[in-house]
Amino acid sequence: MGRLWSLLVVGAATALPYCTGFVQPVPLPTSLCRPETRANNVMMAAKKMEKNTRRNTEKYIDGPGMPARTEERSKRRWRQHARRRTSFLRFLNAPLHVRRVMMSSPLSKELKAQYDGVRAMPIRTGDEVKVLKGDHKGKTGKVEGINRAKLYIHIEGITREKAGAKEAGKTSTTIPVNIRASKVQIISLKLDKSREAILKRKADGRWKHLEWMYASYKKKMDGPELEAYNALPTRLEKLKKLRSLRDAPYIVTDAEYEQLMKPAEPVNWELVESGIVKAAAERSRTRSRGRK
C-alpha cells in the first residue's frame, strides 16, 4: 500500500501545474492560420509540381524543319538509370531477348542503300561479316556460332592455337576466336520471311520519322517540283532531295504571314494563379479523402 500511495502523490504533483494554470499550451503561429498564407503555400506546391513535370518531359515544338505539333516524351529510357552500378547490373543480368538486340552489327554501305538506310541488324548464324578491329582486321567469313551468354560470336576460318594442347598430346589444337558483334560489319544477310519483315518494319519506321522531320521542307516546293519529288523511285533519292532544300528560302503564304504577325493577347496572371491554387487545393482535398 505504501508504494501505491507514493505513486498517487507523485502523479498528483506532476499534474498540479496544468490544473492550476501555471503552464499554458503554446499557441500556433498566427501566420500559419491565415487563409492567404495557406493559398500561397498551395500555389508554391503547385508550381513545384509543374516544374518537376517540365523537368521530366521534353517538349518538341515548332522549329526549323519540324511540323506544327507538340509532343511530350520521357527523357530517360527504361533501360537507363542514374547510377552506373544499376545500369551495369541490368546489362549483366539482361535476358536473352534483350541480349539479341545488344548483339547488333552495322550493315555495309551497299546493304544500307538496298534496305532504305537501315543501319544495323541483330547478328545471326549464316551472315557473312567483315572484321573491322582487332588482330584479325580485314578478314571475312560466315558466322558459325553465337554465344549470347558471353556476347561473343565465332567466325568461320578465324581460329587460334590452343594453349598447351601440343604438350598434352591432343589432336585438336585449334579453337575459334571470340569476337564482339560490334567489331564486325555485315556484308551479306541470311534472309528469311521473319528477317525480311523486320527489315521492312525498320525501314518504314525510319522513313516515317524522316518525313515528319522534313515535313516543312516540302512547303518549299512548287507544283512541278513536288510532282518530280513524288516520281523519284527510291526513298534514298527522296531524302537527298529533302536535305538539299535545307538552305533554300522558305515560302510563306499571306494567310500564314497574318497568323504569324497576329499580336498575342495579354495574359491575366491573377486568373491563372487563382486557377492553379484552386486545382491544387482540389487535388489535396481528394487525396486526403483517399480517392485518386
Protein backbone atom coordinates (compact mmCIF):
# COMPACT_ATOMS: atom_id res chain seq x y z
CA MET A 1 0.00 0.00 0.00
CA GLY A 2 2.88 2.37 0.64
CA ARG A 3 4.10 2.17 -2.93
CA LEU A 4 0.61 2.79 -4.33
CA TRP A 5 0.17 5.92 -2.21
CA SER A 6 3.58 7.22 -3.29
CA LEU A 7 2.68 6.80 -6.99
CA LEU A 8 -0.60 8.66 -6.48
CA VAL A 9 1.17 11.54 -4.73
CA VAL A 10 3.81 11.84 -7.47
CA GLY A 11 1.15 11.82 -10.22
CA ALA A 12 -0.91 14.49 -8.47
CA ALA A 13 2.16 16.69 -8.00
CA THR A 14 3.03 16.38 -11.69
CA ALA A 15 -0.48 17.30 -12.88
CA LEU A 16 -0.90 20.19 -10.41
CA PRO A 17 0.68 22.98 -12.56
CA TYR A 18 -1.54 22.13 -15.55
CA CYS A 19 -4.68 22.14 -13.38
CA THR A 20 -3.89 25.48 -11.69
CA GLY A 21 -2.98 27.24 -14.99
CA PHE A 22 0.76 27.74 -14.37
CA VAL A 23 1.71 26.03 -17.69
CA GLN A 24 -0.26 27.12 -20.76
CA PRO A 25 -0.15 25.29 -24.10
CA VAL A 26 1.95 27.06 -26.76
CA PRO A 27 -0.34 28.68 -29.38
CA LEU A 28 0.27 28.11 -33.08
CA PRO A 29 1.78 30.99 -35.08
CA THR A 30 -0.91 33.23 -36.48
CA SER A 31 0.80 33.30 -39.88
CA LEU A 32 0.01 29.60 -40.41
CA CYS A 33 -3.68 30.15 -39.77
CA ARG A 34 -4.21 32.95 -42.28
CA PRO A 35 -6.09 31.92 -45.44
CA GLU A 36 -3.78 33.93 -47.75
CA THR A 37 -0.72 32.13 -46.34
CA ARG A 38 -2.35 28.75 -46.98
CA ALA A 39 -3.23 29.82 -50.53
CA ASN A 40 0.37 30.94 -51.08
CA ASN A 41 1.70 27.60 -49.81
CA VAL A 42 -0.66 25.70 -52.09
CA MET A 43 0.36 27.80 -55.08
CA MET A 44 4.06 27.24 -54.34
CA ALA A 45 3.45 23.48 -54.14
CA ALA A 46 1.58 23.58 -57.46
CA LYS A 47 4.42 25.49 -59.13
CA LYS A 48 6.94 22.97 -57.77
CA MET A 49 4.90 20.08 -59.17
CA GLU A 50 4.71 21.84 -62.55
CA LYS A 51 8.48 22.41 -62.54
CA ASN A 52 9.16 18.74 -61.80
CA THR A 53 6.80 17.74 -64.61
CA ARG A 54 8.61 20.04 -67.03
CA ARG A 55 11.94 18.66 -65.93
CA ASN A 56 10.91 15.04 -66.57
CA THR A 57 9.42 15.66 -70.02
CA GLU A 58 10.83 17.04 -73.22
CA LYS A 59 8.57 19.18 -75.39
CA TYR A 60 9.10 19.26 -79.13
CA ILE A 61 7.64 22.48 -80.51
CA ASP A 62 7.70 24.04 -83.97
CA GLY A 63 11.19 24.71 -85.22
CA PRO A 64 13.25 24.68 -88.41
CA GLY A 65 12.37 21.52 -90.27
CA MET A 66 9.72 20.48 -87.73
CA PRO A 67 5.96 20.25 -88.43
CA ALA A 68 3.39 22.07 -86.35
CA ARG A 69 2.89 19.65 -83.48
CA THR A 70 3.78 19.31 -79.83
CA GLU A 71 4.80 16.05 -78.20
CA GLU A 72 5.87 15.02 -74.71
CA ARG A 73 8.37 12.24 -74.23
CA SER A 74 10.25 10.91 -71.26
CA LYS A 75 13.91 11.88 -71.42
CA ARG A 76 15.14 8.66 -69.79
CA ARG A 77 14.55 5.24 -71.29
CA TRP A 78 13.56 2.27 -69.17
CA ARG A 79 16.99 0.61 -69.54
CA GLN A 80 18.86 3.71 -68.37
CA HIS A 81 19.44 4.62 -64.75
CA ALA A 82 21.15 7.45 -62.93
CA ARG A 83 23.54 5.10 -61.16
CA ARG A 84 26.30 3.38 -63.09
CA ARG A 85 26.17 0.26 -60.97
CA THR A 86 22.42 -0.15 -61.60
CA SER A 87 22.88 0.20 -65.36
CA PHE A 88 25.82 -2.24 -65.27
CA LEU A 89 23.77 -4.79 -63.30
CA ARG A 90 20.93 -4.52 -65.81
CA PHE A 91 23.47 -5.08 -68.57
CA LEU A 92 24.90 -8.17 -66.86
CA ASN A 93 21.51 -9.66 -65.95
CA ALA A 94 19.81 -8.87 -69.29
CA PRO A 95 17.55 -11.65 -70.63
CA LEU A 96 18.25 -13.35 -73.94
CA HIS A 97 15.75 -11.35 -75.99
CA VAL A 98 17.49 -8.14 -74.84
CA ARG A 99 20.94 -9.62 -75.50
CA ARG A 100 19.83 -10.40 -79.05
CA VAL A 101 19.34 -6.68 -79.68
CA MET A 102 22.57 -5.85 -77.87
CA MET A 103 24.45 -8.13 -80.27
CA SER A 104 23.67 -5.99 -83.33
CA SER A 105 26.18 -5.23 -86.08
CA PRO A 106 26.24 -2.37 -88.59
CA LEU A 107 25.36 -3.02 -92.22
CA SER A 108 27.66 -2.23 -95.13
CA LYS A 109 27.01 0.76 -97.40
CA GLU A 110 25.54 -1.47 -100.10
CA LEU A 111 23.07 -3.06 -97.67
CA LYS A 112 22.12 0.35 -96.24
CA ALA A 113 21.28 1.62 -99.73
CA GLN A 114 19.39 -1.59 -100.52
CA TYR A 115 17.23 -1.51 -97.38
CA ASP A 116 16.41 2.25 -97.26
CA GLY A 117 19.04 3.31 -94.74
CA VAL A 118 18.64 0.60 -92.09
CA ARG A 119 21.84 0.95 -90.08
CA ALA A 120 22.17 -2.25 -88.04
CA MET A 121 20.61 -5.67 -87.51
CA PRO A 122 20.90 -8.33 -84.78
CA ILE A 123 23.52 -10.78 -85.98
CA ARG A 124 22.71 -14.45 -86.56
CA THR A 125 24.40 -17.60 -87.84
CA GLY A 126 24.81 -17.66 -91.61
CA ASP A 127 25.53 -13.94 -92.01
CA GLU A 128 28.73 -13.04 -93.84
CA VAL A 129 30.72 -10.45 -91.90
CA LYS A 130 33.95 -8.47 -92.14
CA VAL A 131 36.11 -7.82 -89.07
CA LEU A 132 36.75 -4.10 -88.54
CA LYS A 133 39.01 -4.08 -85.45
CA GLY A 134 41.49 -6.29 -83.67
CA ASP A 135 44.23 -8.71 -84.72
CA HIS A 136 42.02 -10.22 -87.44
CA LYS A 137 41.06 -6.88 -89.04
CA GLY A 138 40.06 -7.19 -92.71
CA LYS A 139 39.17 -10.90 -92.61
CA THR A 140 35.77 -12.06 -93.84
CA GLY A 141 33.73 -15.17 -93.19
CA LYS A 142 30.37 -16.59 -92.20
CA VAL A 143 29.13 -16.58 -88.62
CA GLU A 144 29.17 -20.18 -87.40
CA GLY A 145 28.27 -19.67 -83.75
CA ILE A 146 26.83 -17.10 -81.33
CA ASN A 147 27.28 -17.11 -77.57
CA ARG A 148 24.63 -14.77 -76.16
CA ALA A 149 25.62 -15.53 -72.57
CA LYS A 150 29.11 -14.06 -73.09
CA LEU A 151 28.18 -11.74 -76.03
CA TYR A 152 30.70 -13.35 -78.44
CA ILE A 153 30.46 -14.65 -81.99
CA HIS A 154 32.59 -17.24 -83.83
CA ILE A 155 33.53 -16.67 -87.48
CA GLU A 156 34.39 -19.45 -89.89
CA GLY A 157 38.13 -19.58 -90.64
CA ILE A 158 39.23 -17.36 -87.74
CA THR A 159 40.88 -19.66 -85.18
CA ARG A 160 43.88 -19.74 -82.87
CA GLU A 161 46.19 -22.35 -81.35
CA LYS A 162 45.01 -23.75 -78.05
CA ALA A 163 47.48 -23.08 -75.26
CA GLY A 164 49.21 -26.26 -74.03
CA ALA A 165 47.42 -28.59 -76.47
CA LYS A 166 50.54 -29.98 -78.16
CA GLU A 167 52.28 -30.63 -74.86
CA ALA A 168 49.25 -32.54 -73.64
CA GLY A 169 49.27 -34.73 -76.77
CA LYS A 170 45.82 -33.64 -78.05
CA THR A 171 44.98 -33.96 -81.73
CA SER A 172 42.70 -30.88 -81.95
CA THR A 173 44.85 -27.85 -81.20
CA THR A 174 42.77 -25.01 -82.69
CA ILE A 175 39.75 -23.24 -81.23
CA PRO A 176 37.58 -20.40 -82.63
CA VAL A 177 38.41 -16.83 -81.65
CA ASN A 178 35.85 -14.91 -79.59
CA ILE A 179 34.88 -11.64 -81.36
CA ARG A 180 32.41 -8.97 -80.28
CA ALA A 181 29.45 -8.35 -82.57
CA SER A 182 30.12 -4.59 -82.53
CA LYS A 183 33.60 -5.16 -84.06
CA VAL A 184 32.28 -6.65 -87.32
CA GLN A 185 30.27 -5.37 -90.28
CA ILE A 186 27.56 -7.39 -92.02
CA ILE A 187 28.26 -7.62 -95.77
CA SER A 188 25.68 -10.31 -96.61
CA LEU A 189 22.45 -11.16 -94.77
CA LYS A 190 20.89 -14.59 -94.43
CA LEU A 191 17.27 -13.77 -95.26
CA ASP A 192 14.02 -15.49 -94.37
CA LYS A 193 10.43 -14.26 -94.00
CA SER A 194 10.80 -13.04 -90.44
CA ARG A 195 14.00 -11.14 -91.18
CA GLU A 196 12.52 -9.52 -94.29
CA ALA A 197 9.58 -8.36 -92.17
CA ILE A 198 12.00 -6.89 -89.60
CA LEU A 199 13.91 -5.01 -92.31
CA LYS A 200 10.69 -3.65 -93.79
CA ARG A 201 9.41 -2.53 -90.39
CA LYS A 202 12.68 -0.77 -89.53
CA ALA A 203 12.82 0.95 -92.92
CA ASP A 204 9.17 2.10 -92.71
CA GLY A 205 9.64 3.46 -89.18
CA ARG A 206 12.82 5.29 -90.12
CA TRP A 207 11.23 6.83 -93.22
CA LYS A 208 8.13 7.88 -91.25
CA HIS A 209 10.33 9.71 -88.76
CA LEU A 210 12.35 11.39 -91.52
CA GLU A 211 9.19 12.54 -93.30
CA TRP A 212 7.96 14.02 -90.02
CA MET A 213 11.31 15.79 -89.54
CA TYR A 214 11.47 17.26 -93.06
CA ALA A 215 7.73 17.91 -93.45
CA SER A 216 8.16 21.70 -93.57
CA TYR A 217 10.74 21.34 -96.37
CA LYS A 218 8.01 20.10 -98.70
CA LYS A 219 6.35 23.52 -98.45
CA LYS A 220 9.36 24.98 -100.27
CA MET A 221 8.44 23.03 -103.43
CA ASP A 222 6.05 24.33 -106.04
CA GLY A 223 3.78 22.12 -108.17
CA PRO A 224 6.28 20.74 -110.75
CA GLU A 225 8.98 20.18 -108.11
CA LEU A 226 6.54 18.29 -105.90
CA GLU A 227 5.50 16.06 -108.81
CA ALA A 228 9.14 15.34 -109.61
CA TYR A 229 9.76 14.54 -105.94
CA ASN A 230 6.87 12.07 -105.80
CA ALA A 231 8.12 10.42 -109.01
CA LEU A 232 11.52 9.56 -107.51
CA PRO A 233 11.89 5.75 -107.37
CA THR A 234 13.67 5.22 -104.04
CA ARG A 235 13.37 6.72 -100.60
CA LEU A 236 17.09 7.49 -100.53
CA GLU A 237 16.74 9.84 -103.52
CA LYS A 238 13.74 11.49 -101.87
CA LEU A 239 15.76 12.02 -98.71
CA LYS A 240 18.62 13.60 -100.69
CA LYS A 241 16.11 15.94 -102.34
CA LEU A 242 14.64 16.98 -98.98
CA ARG A 243 18.09 17.58 -97.49
CA SER A 244 19.05 19.73 -100.47
CA LEU A 245 16.17 22.07 -99.58
CA ARG A 246 17.56 22.70 -96.08
CA ASP A 247 19.14 26.08 -97.02
CA ALA A 248 16.53 27.06 -99.60
CA PRO A 249 14.37 30.15 -98.87
CA TYR A 250 11.10 29.39 -97.10
CA ILE A 251 7.93 30.45 -98.92
CA VAL A 252 5.27 31.85 -96.59
CA THR A 253 1.72 32.47 -97.80
CA ASP A 254 -0.26 35.59 -96.92
CA ALA A 255 -2.53 33.68 -94.51
CA GLU A 256 0.45 32.17 -92.70
CA TYR A 257 2.11 35.60 -92.50
CA GLU A 258 -1.02 37.14 -90.97
CA GLN A 259 -1.22 34.33 -88.45
CA LEU A 260 2.45 34.78 -87.52
CA MET A 261 2.17 38.56 -87.15
CA LYS A 262 -1.04 38.42 -85.14
CA PRO A 263 -0.47 40.17 -81.77
CA ALA A 264 -0.61 37.98 -78.72
CA GLU A 265 -3.46 38.50 -76.26
CA PRO A 266 -2.46 39.79 -72.79
CA VAL A 267 -2.45 37.17 -70.04
CA ASN A 268 -4.38 37.78 -66.83
CA TRP A 269 -1.94 36.32 -64.31
CA GLU A 270 -4.36 36.74 -61.39
CA LEU A 271 -6.85 34.38 -63.01
CA VAL A 272 -4.08 31.92 -63.88
CA GLU A 273 -2.72 31.86 -60.32
CA SER A 274 -6.20 31.55 -58.82
CA GLY A 275 -6.90 28.62 -61.14
CA ILE A 276 -3.64 26.93 -60.12
CA VAL A 277 -4.44 27.41 -56.44
CA LYS A 278 -7.97 26.08 -56.87
CA ALA A 279 -6.79 23.00 -58.79
CA ALA A 280 -4.03 22.24 -56.28
CA ALA A 281 -6.42 22.64 -53.35
CA GLU A 282 -8.92 20.32 -55.02
CA ARG A 283 -6.18 17.70 -55.56
CA SER A 284 -5.09 17.94 -51.93
CA ARG A 285 -8.69 17.52 -50.72
CA THR A 286 -9.38 14.48 -52.87
CA ARG A 287 -6.02 12.99 -51.89
CA SER A 288 -6.80 13.40 -48.19
CA ARG A 289 -10.14 11.61 -48.63
CA GLY A 290 -8.39 8.56 -50.00
CA ARG A 291 -9.51 8.96 -53.63
CA LYS A 292 -7.15 9.02 -56.59
